[in-house]
Amino acid sequence: MIKAVTGPGSILKPTESNAVIDAYSAQIANWISEGEGYADEYVSIRFSRGCVFITEDDRFDSSRHSLNVISTLKQQLLNRGMDV
């Protein structure tokens, strides 16, 4: 990706481009680790729990329940010629 966007004729430099992509990815990962969803003009990431709670006091248990990540490409990205 970096080579493609920083190639001949580009004003973008690999070092700075890598730094931006790393910071962007790290922030999304941070939100995900806090259980937050994320959305921008290209993608939406949200979560759902696959579980049945046995009692009112039952809590999420990774051995019995699942955390599902749902990612959706938005129309802005699809309009850029992606064939999904």
PDB file of N, CA and C in Angstrom:
ATOM      1  N   MET A   1       0.823  -1.181   0.000  1.00  0.00           N
ATOM      2  CA  MET A   1       0.000   0.000   0.000  1.00  0.00           C
ATOM      3  C   MET A   1       0.867   1.245   0.000  1.00  0.00           C
ATOM      4  N   ILE A   2       1.849   1.284   0.901  1.00  0.00           N
ATOM      5  CA  ILE A   2       2.706   2.467   0.997  1.00  0.00           C
ATOM      6  C   ILE A   2       3.430   2.711  -0.326  1.00  0.00           C
ATOM      7  N   LYS A   3       3.959   1.670  -0.921  1.00  0.00           N
ATOM      8  CA  LYS A   3       4.646   1.828  -2.212  1.00  0.00           C
ATOM      9  C   LYS A   3       3.694   2.357  -3.278  1.00  0.00           C
ATOM     10  N   ALA A   4       2.452   1.914  -3.250  1.00  0.00           N
ATOM     11  CA  ALA A   4       1.477   2.341  -4.250  1.00  0.00           C
ATOM     12  C   ALA A   4       1.121   3.820  -4.106  1.00  0.00           C
ATOM     13  N   VAL A   5       0.962   4.306  -2.881  1.00  0.00           N
ATOM     14  CA  VAL A   5       0.546   5.700  -2.695  1.00  0.00           C
ATOM     15  C   VAL A   5       1.710   6.684  -2.626  1.00  0.00           C
ATOM     16  N   THR A   6       2.921   6.192  -2.469  1.00  0.00           N
ATOM     17  CA  THR A   6       4.081   7.094  -2.383  1.00  0.00           C
ATOM     18  C   THR A   6       5.004   6.949  -3.586  1.00  0.00           C
ATOM     19  N   GLY A   7       4.524   6.301  -4.621  1.00  0.00           N
ATOM     20  CA  GLY A   7       5.347   6.050  -5.805  1.00  0.00           C
ATOM     21  C   GLY A   7       5.672   7.311  -6.588  1.00  0.00           C
ATOM     22  N   PRO A   8       6.254   7.117  -7.744  1.00  0.00           N
ATOM     23  CA  PRO A   8       6.654   8.244  -8.592  1.00  0.00           C
ATOM     24  C   PRO A   8       5.507   9.232  -8.821  1.00  0.00           C
ATOM     25  N   GLY A   9       5.818  10.517  -8.672  1.00  0.00           N
ATOM     26  CA  GLY A   9       4.839  11.567  -8.882  1.00  0.00           C
ATOM     27  C   GLY A   9       4.040  11.936  -7.649  1.00  0.00           C
ATOM     28  N   SER A  10       4.125  11.144  -6.588  1.00  0.00           N
ATOM     29  CA  SER A  10       3.368  11.420  -5.368  1.00  0.00           C
ATOM     30  C   SER A  10       4.119  12.412  -4.490  1.00  0.00           C
ATOM     31  N   ILE A  11       3.378  13.302  -3.824  1.00  0.00           N
ATOM     32  CA  ILE A  11       4.002  14.204  -2.857  1.00  0.00           C
ATOM     33  C   ILE A  11       4.108  13.541  -1.479  1.00  0.00           C
ATOM     34  N   LEU A  12       3.510  12.368  -1.330  1.00  0.00           N
ATOM     35  CA  LEU A  12       3.532  11.646  -0.054  1.00  0.00           C
ATOM     36  C   LEU A  12       4.845  10.907   0.116  1.00  0.00           C
ATOM     37  N   LYS A  13       5.342  10.898   1.334  1.00  0.00           N
ATOM     38  CA  LYS A  13       6.586  10.204   1.653  1.00  0.00           C
ATOM     39  C   LYS A  13       6.272   8.942   2.456  1.00  0.00           C
ATOM     40  N   PRO A  14       7.032   7.864   2.227  1.00  0.00           N
ATOM     41  CA  PRO A  14       6.758   6.601   2.926  1.00  0.00           C
ATOM     42  C   PRO A  14       6.766   6.710   4.449  1.00  0.00           C
ATOM     43  N   THR A  15       7.732   7.416   5.025  1.00  0.00           N
ATOM     44  CA  THR A  15       7.831   7.498   6.488  1.00  0.00           C
ATOM     45  C   THR A  15       6.597   8.141   7.099  1.00  0.00           C
ATOM     46  N   GLU A  16       6.193   9.292   6.546  1.00  0.00           N
ATOM     47  CA  GLU A  16       5.033   9.990   7.074  1.00  0.00           C
ATOM     48  C   GLU A  16       3.750   9.206   6.816  1.00  0.00           C
ATOM     49  N   SER A  17       3.656   8.598   5.651  1.00  0.00           N
ATOM     50  CA  SER A  17       2.466   7.798   5.331  1.00  0.00           C
ATOM     51  C   SER A  17       2.334   6.620   6.280  1.00  0.00           C
ATOM     52  N   ASN A  18       3.439   5.943   6.556  1.00  0.00           N
ATOM     53  CA  ASN A  18       3.426   4.839   7.523  1.00  0.00           C
ATOM     54  C   ASN A  18       2.992   5.326   8.896  1.00  0.00           C
ATOM     55  N   ALA A  19       3.499   6.485   9.317  1.00  0.00           N
ATOM     56  CA  ALA A  19       3.156   7.015  10.636  1.00  0.00           C
ATOM     57  C   ALA A  19       1.660   7.291  10.740  1.00  0.00           C
ATOM     58  N   VAL A  20       1.076   7.874   9.703  1.00  0.00           N
ATOM     59  CA  VAL A  20      -0.357   8.179   9.719  1.00  0.00           C
ATOM     60  C   VAL A  20      -1.177   6.893   9.759  1.00  0.00           C
ATOM     61  N   ILE A  21      -0.822   5.936   8.921  1.00  0.00           N
ATOM     62  CA  ILE A  21      -1.561   4.666   8.886  1.00  0.00           C
ATOM     63  C   ILE A  21      -1.433   3.932  10.214  1.00  0.00           C
ATOM     64  N   ASP A  22      -0.242   3.929  10.801  1.00  0.00           N
ATOM     65  CA  ASP A  22      -0.042   3.279  12.102  1.00  0.00           C
ATOM     66  C   ASP A  22      -0.876   3.948  13.191  1.00  0.00           C
ATOM     67  N   ALA A  23      -0.894   5.287  13.208  1.00  0.00           N
ATOM     68  CA  ALA A  23      -1.674   6.011  14.222  1.00  0.00           C
ATOM     69  C   ALA A  23      -3.168   5.768  14.039  1.00  0.00           C
ATOM     70  N   TYR A  24      -3.623   5.775  12.798  1.00  0.00           N
ATOM     71  CA  TYR A  24      -5.025   5.524  12.464  1.00  0.00           C
ATOM     72  C   TYR A  24      -5.439   4.129  12.936  1.00  0.00           C
ATOM     73  N   SER A  25      -4.636   3.136  12.589  1.00  0.00           N
ATOM     74  CA  SER A  25      -4.923   1.747  12.977  1.00  0.00           C
ATOM     75  C   SER A  25      -4.884   1.568  14.482  1.00  0.00           C
ATOM     76  N   ALA A  26      -3.903   2.197  15.140  1.00  0.00           N
ATOM     77  CA  ALA A  26      -3.785   2.075  16.593  1.00  0.00           C
ATOM     78  C   ALA A  26      -4.997   2.668  17.299  1.00  0.00           C
ATOM     79  N   GLN A  27      -5.493   3.796  16.801  1.00  0.00           N
ATOM     80  CA  GLN A  27      -6.664   4.410  17.424  1.00  0.00           C
ATOM     81  C   GLN A  27      -7.905   3.541  17.248  1.00  0.00           C
ATOM     82  N   ILE A  28      -8.088   2.989  16.064  1.00  0.00           N
ATOM     83  CA  ILE A  28      -9.217   2.080  15.845  1.00  0.00           C
ATOM     84  C   ILE A  28      -9.099   0.876  16.768  1.00  0.00           C
ATOM     85  N   ALA A  29      -7.904   0.290  16.870  1.00  0.00           N
ATOM     86  CA  ALA A  29      -7.685  -0.857  17.756  1.00  0.00           C
ATOM     87  C   ALA A  29      -7.984  -0.486  19.206  1.00  0.00           C
ATOM     88  N   ASN A  30      -7.612   0.720  19.613  1.00  0.00           N
ATOM     89  CA  ASN A  30      -7.887   1.181  20.971  1.00  0.00           C
ATOM     90  C   ASN A  30      -9.390   1.261  21.224  1.00  0.00           C
ATOM     91  N   TRP A  31     -10.117   1.847  20.286  1.00  0.00           N
ATOM     92  CA  TRP A  31     -11.575   1.916  20.444  1.00  0.00           C
ATOM     93  C   TRP A  31     -12.189   0.522  20.501  1.00  0.00           C
ATOM     94  N   ILE A  32     -11.722  -0.366  19.638  1.00  0.00           N
ATOM     95  CA  ILE A  32     -12.235  -1.739  19.624  1.00  0.00           C
ATOM     96  C   ILE A  32     -11.972  -2.420  20.970  1.00  0.00           C
ATOM     97  N   SER A  33     -10.757  -2.235  21.504  1.00  0.00           N
ATOM     98  CA  SER A  33     -10.430  -2.871  22.789  1.00  0.00           C
ATOM     99  C   SER A  33     -11.296  -2.338  23.921  1.00  0.00           C
ATOM    100  N   GLU A  34     -11.828  -1.121  23.764  1.00  0.00           N
ATOM    101  CA  GLU A  34     -12.726  -0.541  24.765  1.00  0.00           C
ATOM    102  C   GLU A  34     -14.183  -0.878  24.488  1.00  0.00           C
ATOM    103  N   GLY A  35     -14.424  -1.683  23.439  1.00  0.00           N
ATOM    104  CA  GLY A  35     -15.781  -2.097  23.118  1.00  0.00           C
ATOM    105  C   GLY A  35     -16.554  -1.081  22.302  1.00  0.00           C
ATOM    106  N   GLU A  36     -15.868  -0.079  21.790  1.00  0.00           N
ATOM    107  CA  GLU A  36     -16.516   0.953  20.982  1.00  0.00           C
ATOM    108  C   GLU A  36     -16.541   0.529  19.522  1.00  0.00           C
ATOM    109  N   GLY A  37     -17.535   0.966  18.827  1.00  0.00           N
ATOM    110  CA  GLY A  37     -17.575   0.768  17.390  1.00  0.00           C
ATOM    111  C   GLY A  37     -16.784   1.870  16.707  1.00  0.00           C
ATOM    112  N   TYR A  38     -16.651   1.761  15.410  1.00  0.00           N
ATOM    113  CA  TYR A  38     -15.936   2.777  14.639  1.00  0.00           C
ATOM    114  C   TYR A  38     -16.630   2.933  13.291  1.00  0.00           C
ATOM    115  N   ALA A  39     -16.711   4.162  12.825  1.00  0.00           N
ATOM    116  CA  ALA A  39     -17.272   4.398  11.502  1.00  0.00           C
ATOM    117  C   ALA A  39     -16.616   5.624  10.895  1.00  0.00           C
ATOM    118  N   ASP A  40     -16.356   5.561   9.611  1.00  0.00           N
ATOM    119  CA  ASP A  40     -15.934   6.726   8.843  1.00  0.00           C
ATOM    120  C   ASP A  40     -16.658   6.666   7.506  1.00  0.00           C
ATOM    121  N   GLU A  41     -16.229   7.432   6.543  1.00  0.00           N
ATOM    122  CA  GLU A  41     -16.955   7.447   5.275  1.00  0.00           C
ATOM    123  C   GLU A  41     -16.745   6.188   4.433  1.00  0.00           C
ATOM    124  N   TYR A  42     -15.831   5.322   4.852  1.00  0.00           N
ATOM    125  CA  TYR A  42     -15.515   4.130   4.070  1.00  0.00           C
ATOM    126  C   TYR A  42     -15.948   2.812   4.707  1.00  0.00           C
ATOM    127  N   VAL A  43     -15.907   2.746   6.024  1.00  0.00           N
ATOM    128  CA  VAL A  43     -16.167   1.477   6.704  1.00  0.00           C
ATOM    129  C   VAL A  43     -16.875   1.721   8.037  1.00  0.00           C
ATOM    130  N   SER A  44     -17.650   0.733   8.441  1.00  0.00           N
ATOM    131  CA  SER A  44     -18.299   0.751   9.746  1.00  0.00           C
ATOM    132  C   SER A  44     -17.941  -0.556  10.445  1.00  0.00           C
ATOM    133  N   ILE A  45     -17.503  -0.454  11.694  1.00  0.00           N
ATOM    134  CA  ILE A  45     -17.162  -1.641  12.485  1.00  0.00           C
ATOM    135  C   ILE A  45     -17.971  -1.571  13.773  1.00  0.00           C
ATOM    136  N   ARG A  46     -18.722  -2.617  14.021  1.00  0.00           N
ATOM    137  CA  ARG A  46     -19.509  -2.668  15.255  1.00  0.00           C
ATOM    138  C   ARG A  46     -19.455  -4.081  15.811  1.00  0.00           C
ATOM    139  N   PHE A  47     -20.022  -4.254  16.978  1.00  0.00           N
ATOM    140  CA  PHE A  47     -19.934  -5.518  17.689  1.00  0.00           C
ATOM    141  C   PHE A  47     -21.300  -6.028  18.089  1.00  0.00           C
ATOM    142  N   SER A  48     -21.385  -7.328  18.197  1.00  0.00           N
ATOM    143  CA  SER A  48     -22.564  -7.936  18.799  1.00  0.00           C
ATOM    144  C   SER A  48     -22.082  -9.103  19.647  1.00  0.00           C
ATOM    145  N   ARG A  49     -22.872  -9.440  20.621  1.00  0.00           N
ATOM    146  CA  ARG A  49     -22.540 -10.578  21.473  1.00  0.00           C
ATOM    147  C   ARG A  49     -23.419 -11.749  21.081  1.00  0.00           C
ATOM    148  N   GLY A  50     -22.795 -12.894  20.929  1.00  0.00           N
ATOM    149  CA  GLY A  50     -23.538 -14.118  20.687  1.00  0.00           C
ATOM    150  C   GLY A  50     -23.652 -14.859  22.010  1.00  0.00           C
ATOM    151  N   CYS A  51     -24.785 -14.657  22.686  1.00  0.00           N
ATOM    152  CA  CYS A  51     -24.883 -15.284  24.001  1.00  0.00           C
ATOM    153  C   CYS A  51     -26.326 -15.349  24.484  1.00  0.00           C
ATOM    154  N   VAL A  52     -26.502 -16.252  25.389  1.00  0.00           N
ATOM    155  CA  VAL A  52     -27.752 -16.341  26.127  1.00  0.00           C
ATOM    156  C   VAL A  52     -27.366 -16.285  27.597  1.00  0.00           C
ATOM    157  N   PHE A  53     -27.902 -15.297  28.293  1.00  0.00           N
ATOM    158  CA  PHE A  53     -27.615 -15.188  29.712  1.00  0.00           C
ATOM    159  C   PHE A  53     -28.597 -16.058  30.484  1.00  0.00           C
ATOM    160  N   ILE A  54     -28.059 -16.839  31.396  1.00  0.00           N
ATOM    161  CA  ILE A  54     -28.845 -17.827  32.129  1.00  0.00           C
ATOM    162  C   ILE A  54     -29.687 -17.176  33.230  1.00  0.00           C
ATOM    163  N   THR A  55     -29.106 -16.215  33.915  1.00  0.00           N
ATOM    164  CA  THR A  55     -29.824 -15.503  34.974  1.00  0.00           C
ATOM    165  C   THR A  55     -29.606 -14.000  34.785  1.00  0.00           C
ATOM    166  N   GLU A  56     -30.301 -13.207  35.582  1.00  0.00           N
ATOM    167  CA  GLU A  56     -30.117 -11.752  35.504  1.00  0.00           C
ATOM    168  C   GLU A  56     -28.709 -11.341  35.910  1.00  0.00           C
ATOM    169  N   ASP A  57     -28.056 -12.140  36.763  1.00  0.00           N
ATOM    170  CA  ASP A  57     -26.708 -11.819  37.241  1.00  0.00           C
ATOM    171  C   ASP A  57     -25.616 -12.424  36.360  1.00  0.00           C
ATOM    172  N   ASP A  58     -25.989 -13.201  35.373  1.00  0.00           N
ATOM    173  CA  ASP A  58     -25.010 -13.830  34.484  1.00  0.00           C
ATOM    174  C   ASP A  58     -24.217 -12.760  33.745  1.00  0.00           C
ATOM    175  N   ARG A  59     -22.945 -12.996  33.573  1.00  0.00           N
ATOM    176  CA  ARG A  59     -22.054 -12.063  32.881  1.00  0.00           C
ATOM    177  C   ARG A  59     -21.488 -12.722  31.627  1.00  0.00           C
ATOM    178  N   PHE A  60     -20.916 -11.895  30.763  1.00  0.00           N
ATOM    179  CA  PHE A  60     -20.277 -12.412  29.559  1.00  0.00           C
ATOM    180  C   PHE A  60     -19.151 -13.349  29.958  1.00  0.00           C
ATOM    181  N   ASP A  61     -19.138 -14.543  29.383  1.00  0.00           N
ATOM    182  CA  ASP A  61     -18.129 -15.567  29.660  1.00  0.00           C
ATOM    183  C   ASP A  61     -17.614 -16.061  28.315  1.00  0.00           C
ATOM    184  N   SER A  62     -16.360 -15.805  28.023  1.00  0.00           N
ATOM    185  CA  SER A  62     -15.808 -16.149  26.711  1.00  0.00           C
ATOM    186  C   SER A  62     -15.811 -17.647  26.421  1.00  0.00           C
ATOM    187  N   SER A  63     -15.959 -18.474  27.454  1.00  0.00           N
ATOM    188  CA  SER A  63     -16.031 -19.916  27.204  1.00  0.00           C
ATOM    189  C   SER A  63     -17.424 -20.344  26.728  1.00  0.00           C
ATOM    190  N   ARG A  64     -18.452 -19.499  27.001  1.00  0.00           N
ATOM    191  CA  ARG A  64     -19.822 -19.820  26.590  1.00  0.00           C
ATOM    192  C   ARG A  64     -20.386 -18.858  25.549  1.00  0.00           C
ATOM    193  N   HIS A  65     -19.790 -17.699  25.455  1.00  0.00           N
ATOM    194  CA  HIS A  65     -20.330 -16.648  24.608  1.00  0.00           C
ATOM    195  C   HIS A  65     -19.304 -16.223  23.564  1.00  0.00           C
ATOM    196  N   SER A  66     -19.764 -15.482  22.568  1.00  0.00           N
ATOM    197  CA  SER A  66     -18.840 -14.982  21.549  1.00  0.00           C
ATOM    198  C   SER A  66     -19.040 -13.482  21.354  1.00  0.00           C
ATOM    199  N   LEU A  67     -17.967 -12.837  20.930  1.00  0.00           N
ATOM    200  CA  LEU A  67     -18.022 -11.438  20.542  1.00  0.00           C
ATOM    201  C   LEU A  67     -17.850 -11.420  19.030  1.00  0.00           C
ATOM    202  N   ASN A  68     -18.834 -10.893  18.339  1.00  0.00           N
ATOM    203  CA  ASN A  68     -18.814 -10.880  16.878  1.00  0.00           C
ATOM    204  C   ASN A  68     -18.458  -9.484  16.392  1.00  0.00           C
ATOM    205  N   VAL A  69     -17.548  -9.426  15.434  1.00  0.00           N
ATOM    206  CA  VAL A  69     -17.167  -8.167  14.819  1.00  0.00           C
ATOM    207  C   VAL A  69     -17.866  -8.092  13.472  1.00  0.00           C
ATOM    208  N   ILE A  70     -18.593  -7.015  13.263  1.00  0.00           N
ATOM    209  CA  ILE A  70     -19.340  -6.824  12.026  1.00  0.00           C
ATOM    210  C   ILE A  70     -18.750  -5.617  11.310  1.00  0.00           C
ATOM    211  N   SER A  71     -18.155  -5.853  10.158  1.00  0.00           N
ATOM    212  CA  SER A  71     -17.602  -4.737   9.394  1.00  0.00           C
ATOM    213  C   SER A  71     -18.366  -4.617   8.085  1.00  0.00           C
ATOM    214  N   THR A  72     -18.652  -3.382   7.723  1.00  0.00           N
ATOM    215  CA  THR A  72     -19.436  -3.099   6.529  1.00  0.00           C
ATOM    216  C   THR A  72     -18.730  -2.030   5.716  1.00  0.00           C
ATOM    217  N   LEU A  73     -18.550  -2.308   4.431  1.00  0.00           N
ATOM    218  CA  LEU A  73     -18.013  -1.288   3.542  1.00  0.00           C
ATOM    219  C   LEU A  73     -19.128  -0.328   3.196  1.00  0.00           C
ATOM    220  N   LYS A  74     -18.834   0.949   3.253  1.00  0.00           N
ATOM    221  CA  LYS A  74     -19.845   1.952   2.950  1.00  0.00           C
ATOM    222  C   LYS A  74     -19.847   2.290   1.461  1.00  0.00           C
ATOM    223  N   GLN A  75     -20.897   2.924   1.027  1.00  0.00           N
ATOM    224  CA  GLN A  75     -21.092   3.223  -0.388  1.00  0.00           C
ATOM    225  C   GLN A  75     -19.946   4.047  -0.971  1.00  0.00           C
ATOM    226  N   GLN A  76     -19.371   4.945  -0.192  1.00  0.00           N
ATOM    227  CA  GLN A  76     -18.248   5.773  -0.654  1.00  0.00           C
ATOM    228  C   GLN A  76     -17.112   4.897  -1.188  1.00  0.00           C
ATOM    229  N   LEU A  77     -16.812   3.828  -0.482  1.00  0.00           N
ATOM    230  CA  LEU A  77     -15.751   2.913  -0.914  1.00  0.00           C
ATOM    231  C   LEU A  77     -16.232   2.048  -2.080  1.00  0.00           C
ATOM    232  N   LEU A  78     -17.445   1.608  -2.010  1.00  0.00           N
ATOM    233  CA  LEU A  78     -17.982   0.785  -3.094  1.00  0.00           C
ATOM    234  C   LEU A  78     -18.056   1.560  -4.397  1.00  0.00           C
ATOM    235  N   ASN A  79     -18.319   2.856  -4.315  1.00  0.00           N
ATOM    236  CA  ASN A  79     -18.394   3.686  -5.510  1.00  0.00           C
ATOM    237  C   ASN A  79     -17.039   3.889  -6.184  1.00  0.00           C
ATOM    238  N   ARG A  80     -15.979   3.543  -5.514  1.00  0.00           N
ATOM    239  CA  ARG A  80     -14.639   3.735  -6.066  1.00  0.00           C
ATOM    240  C   ARG A  80     -14.214   2.566  -6.948  1.00  0.00           C
ATOM    241  N   GLY A  81     -15.172   1.786  -7.396  1.00  0.00           N
ATOM    242  CA  GLY A  81     -14.855   0.740  -8.355  1.00  0.00           C
ATOM    243  C   GLY A  81     -14.638  -0.634  -7.773  1.00  0.00           C
ATOM    244  N   MET A  82     -14.939  -0.810  -6.496  1.00  0.00           N
ATOM    245  CA  MET A  82     -14.768  -2.128  -5.887  1.00  0.00           C
ATOM    246  C   MET A  82     -15.910  -3.022  -6.328  1.00  0.00           C
ATOM    247  N   ASP A  83     -15.588  -4.216  -6.685  1.00  0.00           N
ATOM    248  CA  ASP A  83     -16.599  -5.195  -7.094  1.00  0.00           C
ATOM    249  C   ASP A  83     -16.764  -6.194  -5.963  1.00  0.00           C
ATOM    250  N   VAL A  84     -17.719  -5.915  -5.059  1.00  0.00           N
ATOM    251  CA  VAL A  84     -17.924  -6.770  -3.881  1.00  0.00           C
ATOM    252  C   VAL A  84     -19.194  -7.566  -4.059  1.00  0.00           C
TER     253      VAL A  84
END
